C-alpha atoms as a PDB file:
ATOM      1  CA  MET A   1      13.835 -25.697  40.515  1.00  0.00           C
ATOM      2  CA  LEU A   2      14.589 -22.289  39.316  1.00  0.00           C
ATOM      3  CA  LEU A   3      13.301 -22.838  35.581  1.00  0.00           C
ATOM      4  CA  ALA A   4      10.121 -24.887  36.812  1.00  0.00           C
ATOM      5  CA  LEU A   5       9.294 -21.108  38.595  1.00  0.00           C
ATOM      6  CA  ARG A   6      10.457 -19.347  35.351  1.00  0.00           C
ATOM      7  CA  ILE A   7       7.480 -21.373  33.184  1.00  0.00           C
ATOM      8  CA  LEU A   8       5.168 -21.608  35.796  1.00  0.00           C
ATOM      9  CA  ALA A   9       5.202 -17.962  36.223  1.00  0.00           C
ATOM     10  CA  ALA A  10       4.942 -17.586  31.688  1.00  0.00           C
ATOM     11  CA  ALA A  11       2.278 -19.931  31.498  1.00  0.00           C
ATOM     12  CA  ALA A  12       0.066 -17.851  34.163  1.00  0.00           C
ATOM     13  CA  LEU A  13       0.779 -14.580  32.616  1.00  0.00           C
ATOM     14  CA  LEU A  14       0.406 -15.854  29.475  1.00  0.00           C
ATOM     15  CA  VAL A  15      -3.252 -17.412  30.718  1.00  0.00           C
ATOM     16  CA  ALA A  16      -4.151 -13.748  31.721  1.00  0.00           C
ATOM     17  CA  GLY A  17      -3.229 -12.212  28.770  1.00  0.00           C
ATOM     18  CA  ILE A  18      -5.186 -14.457  26.560  1.00  0.00           C
ATOM     19  CA  LEU A  19      -7.588 -13.781  28.665  1.00  0.00           C
ATOM     20  CA  HIS A  20      -8.335 -10.196  28.596  1.00  0.00           C
ATOM     21  CA  LEU A  21      -6.778 -10.558  24.376  1.00  0.00           C
ATOM     22  CA  LYS A  22     -10.277 -12.624  24.056  1.00  0.00           C
ATOM     23  CA  VAL A  23     -12.897 -10.635  25.535  1.00  0.00           C
ATOM     24  CA  ALA A  24     -11.121  -7.280  24.757  1.00  0.00           C
ATOM     25  CA  SER A  25     -13.733  -6.745  21.608  1.00  0.00           C
ATOM     26  CA  GLN A  26     -16.498  -6.451  23.952  1.00  0.00           C
ATOM     27  CA  TYR A  27     -14.808  -3.833  25.798  1.00  0.00           C
ATOM     28  CA  ASP A  28     -14.112  -1.625  22.194  1.00  0.00           C
ATOM     29  CA  TYR A  29     -16.683   1.245  22.883  1.00  0.00           C
ATOM     30  CA  SER A  30     -15.133   4.465  24.914  1.00  0.00           C
ATOM     31  CA  PRO A  31     -16.807   7.005  23.896  1.00  0.00           C
ATOM     32  CA  GLY A  32     -14.628  10.606  24.616  1.00  0.00           C
ATOM     33  CA  THR A  33     -11.512   8.634  25.816  1.00  0.00           C
ATOM     34  CA  LEU A  34      -8.189   8.125  23.715  1.00  0.00           C
ATOM     35  CA  LEU A  35      -8.064   4.031  24.512  1.00  0.00           C
ATOM     36  CA  SER A  36     -10.876   1.874  25.443  1.00  0.00           C
ATOM     37  CA  ILE A  37     -11.278  -0.797  28.032  1.00  0.00           C
ATOM     38  CA  GLY A  38     -10.574  -3.345  24.530  1.00  0.00           C
ATOM     39  CA  ASP A  39      -7.272  -1.540  24.047  1.00  0.00           C
ATOM     40  CA  GLU A  40      -6.390  -1.512  27.500  1.00  0.00           C
ATOM     41  CA  PHE A  41      -6.621  -5.313  27.234  1.00  0.00           C
ATOM     42  CA  ARG A  42      -4.899  -5.515  24.545  1.00  0.00           C
ATOM     43  CA  LEU A  43      -1.989  -3.492  25.921  1.00  0.00           C
ATOM     44  CA  GLN A  44      -2.173  -5.747  29.098  1.00  0.00           C
ATOM     45  CA  PHE A  45      -2.079  -8.829  26.617  1.00  0.00           C
ATOM     46  CA  ALA A  46       1.194  -7.471  25.021  1.00  0.00           C
ATOM     47  CA  ALA A  47       2.884  -6.617  28.635  1.00  0.00           C
ATOM     48  CA  THR A  48       2.345 -10.686  29.680  1.00  0.00           C
ATOM     49  CA  VAL A  49       3.870 -11.559  26.811  1.00  0.00           C
ATOM     50  CA  VAL A  50       6.707  -9.406  27.291  1.00  0.00           C
ATOM     51  CA  ALA A  51       7.141 -10.052  30.918  1.00  0.00           C
ATOM     52  CA  ALA A  52       6.634 -14.023  29.770  1.00  0.00           C
ATOM     53  CA  LEU A  53       9.409 -13.779  27.329  1.00  0.00           C
ATOM     54  CA  LEU A  54      11.743 -11.764  29.820  1.00  0.00           C
ATOM     55  CA  LEU A  55      11.027 -14.768  32.731  1.00  0.00           C
ATOM     56  CA  LEU A  56      12.420 -17.029  29.768  1.00  0.00           C
ATOM     57  CA  VAL A  57      15.402 -15.106  28.426  1.00  0.00           C
ATOM     58  CA  VAL A  58      16.664 -13.100  31.006  1.00  0.00           C
ATOM     59  CA  ARG A  59      18.566 -14.440  33.830  1.00  0.00           C
ATOM     60  CA  THR A  60      18.993 -11.739  36.072  1.00  0.00           C
ATOM     61  CA  TRP A  61      15.979  -9.678  36.567  1.00  0.00           C
ATOM     62  CA  PRO A  62      13.202 -11.346  34.815  1.00  0.00           C
ATOM     63  CA  TRP A  63      11.417 -11.117  38.249  1.00  0.00           C
ATOM     64  CA  TRP A  64      10.268  -7.937  38.688  1.00  0.00           C
ATOM     65  CA  PRO A  65       8.698  -7.348  35.901  1.00  0.00           C
ATOM     66  CA  ALA A  66       6.300 -10.928  35.989  1.00  0.00           C
ATOM     67  CA  LEU A  67       5.662  -9.187  39.450  1.00  0.00           C
ATOM     68  CA  LEU A  68       4.633  -5.755  38.123  1.00  0.00           C
ATOM     69  CA  VAL A  69       2.560  -6.861  35.158  1.00  0.00           C
ATOM     70  CA  ALA A  70       0.461  -9.433  37.135  1.00  0.00           C
ATOM     71  CA  GLY A  71       0.710  -7.200  39.980  1.00  0.00           C
ATOM     72  CA  ALA A  72      -0.943  -4.438  38.690  1.00  0.00           C
ATOM     73  CA  THR A  73      -3.262  -6.671  36.539  1.00  0.00           C
ATOM     74  CA  LEU A  74      -4.841  -8.167  39.703  1.00  0.00           C
ATOM     75  CA  VAL A  75      -5.643  -5.145  41.283  1.00  0.00           C
ATOM     76  CA  ALA A  76      -7.062  -3.400  38.081  1.00  0.00           C
ATOM     77  CA  VAL A  77      -9.369  -6.628  38.097  1.00  0.00           C
ATOM     78  CA  VAL A  78     -10.376  -7.183  41.944  1.00  0.00           C
ATOM     79  CA  ALA A  79     -10.799  -2.956  41.486  1.00  0.00           C
ATOM     80  CA  SER A  80     -13.704  -3.527  38.738  1.00  0.00           C
ATOM     81  CA  VAL A  81     -15.575  -5.889  41.014  1.00  0.00           C
ATOM     82  CA  TYR A  82     -15.415  -3.864  44.824  1.00  0.00           C
ATOM     83  CA  VAL A  83     -14.683  -0.117  43.441  1.00  0.00           C
ATOM     84  CA  GLN A  84     -16.410   2.276  40.550  1.00  0.00           C
ATOM     85  CA  VAL A  85     -13.073   3.404  39.024  1.00  0.00           C
ATOM     86  CA  PRO A  86     -13.951   6.424  36.921  1.00  0.00           C
ATOM     87  CA  ALA A  87     -11.925   7.927  33.607  1.00  0.00           C
ATOM     88  CA  ILE A  88      -8.559   9.557  34.012  1.00  0.00           C
ATOM     89  CA  GLY A  89      -8.008  11.642  31.719  1.00  0.00           C
ATOM     90  CA  PRO A  90      -7.670   9.725  28.588  1.00  0.00           C
ATOM     91  CA  LEU A  91      -8.091   6.400  30.239  1.00  0.00           C
ATOM     92  CA  PRO A  92     -12.201   5.137  30.096  1.00  0.00           C
ATOM     93  CA  ALA A  93     -14.123   4.438  33.479  1.00  0.00           C
ATOM     94  CA  PHE A  94     -13.247   0.520  34.308  1.00  0.00           C
ATOM     95  CA  PRO A  95     -16.124  -1.487  33.877  1.00  0.00           C
ATOM     96  CA  HIS A  96     -17.550  -2.184  37.253  1.00  0.00           C
ATOM     97  CA  GLU A  97     -18.740  -5.704  36.994  1.00  0.00           C
ATOM     98  CA  PRO A  98     -19.668  -8.486  39.617  1.00  0.00           C
ATOM     99  CA  TRP A  99     -17.354 -11.823  39.772  1.00  0.00           C
ATOM    100  CA  SER A 100     -19.876 -14.044  37.610  1.00  0.00           C
ATOM    101  CA  ALA A 101     -17.995 -13.311  34.332  1.00  0.00           C
ATOM    102  CA  GLU A 102     -15.592 -16.609  34.167  1.00  0.00           C
ATOM    103  CA  ALA A 103     -13.371 -14.839  32.321  1.00  0.00           C
ATOM    104  CA  LYS A 104     -12.851 -12.485  35.018  1.00  0.00           C
ATOM    105  CA  VAL A 105     -12.389 -15.235  37.683  1.00  0.00           C
ATOM    106  CA  ALA A 106      -9.679 -17.314  35.499  1.00  0.00           C
ATOM    107  CA  SER A 107      -8.202 -13.954  34.660  1.00  0.00           C
ATOM    108  CA  ALA A 108      -7.775 -13.215  38.736  1.00  0.00           C
ATOM    109  CA  VAL A 109      -6.322 -16.614  39.492  1.00  0.00           C
ATOM    110  CA  ALA A 110      -4.087 -16.757  36.591  1.00  0.00           C
ATOM    111  CA  GLU A 111      -2.888 -13.751  38.111  1.00  0.00           C
ATOM    112  CA  ALA A 112      -2.135 -14.475  41.715  1.00  0.00           C
ATOM    113  CA  VAL A 113      -0.998 -17.803  40.561  1.00  0.00           C
ATOM    114  CA  ALA A 114       1.921 -15.139  38.469  1.00  0.00           C
ATOM    115  CA  VAL A 115       1.831 -13.118  41.638  1.00  0.00           C
ATOM    116  CA  VAL A 116       3.061 -16.037  43.873  1.00  0.00           C
ATOM    117  CA  LEU A 117       5.217 -17.761  41.430  1.00  0.00           C
ATOM    118  CA  ALA A 118       7.012 -14.326  40.849  1.00  0.00           C
ATOM    119  CA  ILE A 119       7.275 -13.836  44.571  1.00  0.00           C
ATOM    120  CA  ALA A 120       9.112 -17.522  44.731  1.00  0.00           C
ATOM    121  CA  GLY A 121      11.371 -16.823  42.208  1.00  0.00           C
ATOM    122  CA  LEU A 122      12.650 -13.370  43.589  1.00  0.00           C
ATOM    123  CA  LEU A 123      13.011 -15.595  46.937  1.00  0.00           C
ATOM    124  CA  SER A 124      14.700 -18.203  45.586  1.00  0.00           C
ATOM    125  CA  ALA A 125      17.380 -16.367  42.803  1.00  0.00           C
ATOM    126  CA  GLY A 126      17.879 -14.103  46.293  1.00  0.00           C
ATOM    127  CA  SER A 127      19.015 -16.555  47.725  1.00  0.00           C
ATOM    128  CA  GLY A 128      20.817 -18.328  45.564  1.00  0.00           C
ATOM    129  CA  ARG A 129      22.874 -15.321  44.537  1.00  0.00           C
ATOM    130  CA  ARG A 130      23.733 -14.642  48.331  1.00  0.00           C
ATOM    131  CA  ARG A 131      24.628 -18.745  48.620  1.00  0.00           C
ATOM    132  CA  ARG A 132      27.030 -18.596  45.559  1.00  0.00           C
ATOM    133  CA  GLY A 133      28.442 -15.484  47.317  1.00  0.00           C
ATOM    134  CA  ARG A 134      29.471 -16.572  50.232  1.00  0.00           C
ATOM    135  CA  GLN A 135      31.319 -19.446  48.378  1.00  0.00           C
ATOM    136  CA  ARG A 136      33.160 -17.198  46.183  1.00  0.00           C
ATOM    137  CA  ARG A 137      34.463 -15.541  48.882  1.00  0.00           C
ATOM    138  CA  PRO A 138      38.368 -16.184  49.921  1.00  0.00           C
ATOM    139  CA  ASP A 139      38.282 -17.252  53.708  1.00  0.00           C
ATOM    140  CA  VAL A 140      39.116 -13.964  56.197  1.00  0.00           C
ATOM    141  CA  GLU A 141      42.835 -15.505  57.226  1.00  0.00           C
ATOM    142  CA  GLN A 142      43.656 -16.661  53.508  1.00  0.00           C
ATOM    143  CA  SER A 143      43.132 -13.337  52.491  1.00  0.00           C
ATOM    144  CA  ARG A 144      45.682 -11.344  55.123  1.00  0.00           C
ATOM    145  CA  PRO A 145      49.274 -11.026  54.421  1.00  0.00           C
ATOM    146  CA  SER A 146      51.142 -13.342  56.463  1.00  0.00           C
ATOM    147  CA  PRO A 147      53.651 -11.692  58.826  1.00  0.00           C
ATOM    148  CA  PRO A 148      57.146 -11.400  57.769  1.00  0.00           C
ATOM    149  CA  ARG A 149      59.266 -14.126  58.884  1.00  0.00           C
ATOM    150  CA  SER A 150      62.681 -13.786  61.513  1.00  0.00           C
ATOM    151  CA  ALA A 151      65.507 -15.086  61.100  1.00  0.00           C
END
């Protein structure tokens, strides 16, 4: 089951990243900033690829990067609809757009799915670790030294 969660979460991350990469060229113009929104979309794509690969390759802690990438991206997408986020330092202002953009809705759904799957993976991995830990511990009675026998 954990493998299925990993594959589904990686797929959801990649869908969100590909959607951002697909529209990145529409947001390349940002005068007076170090990065454009298009550049940020490309970086987001790279982050989703890394997080997806970690999910598929690393065994011990891959859920945290997936949760961080998907959660941060979901917050950014929702903020771009409801909040006018100004430019911060070298970063450009978020484009304030409604939910009418198909890629935005699909991206938000993919990111929400990735967040839910990452949380489920964290919970499953944690409960599995606790179960395995209990099985390996010796019984308390067995680990105590036996009292000396009198003759």
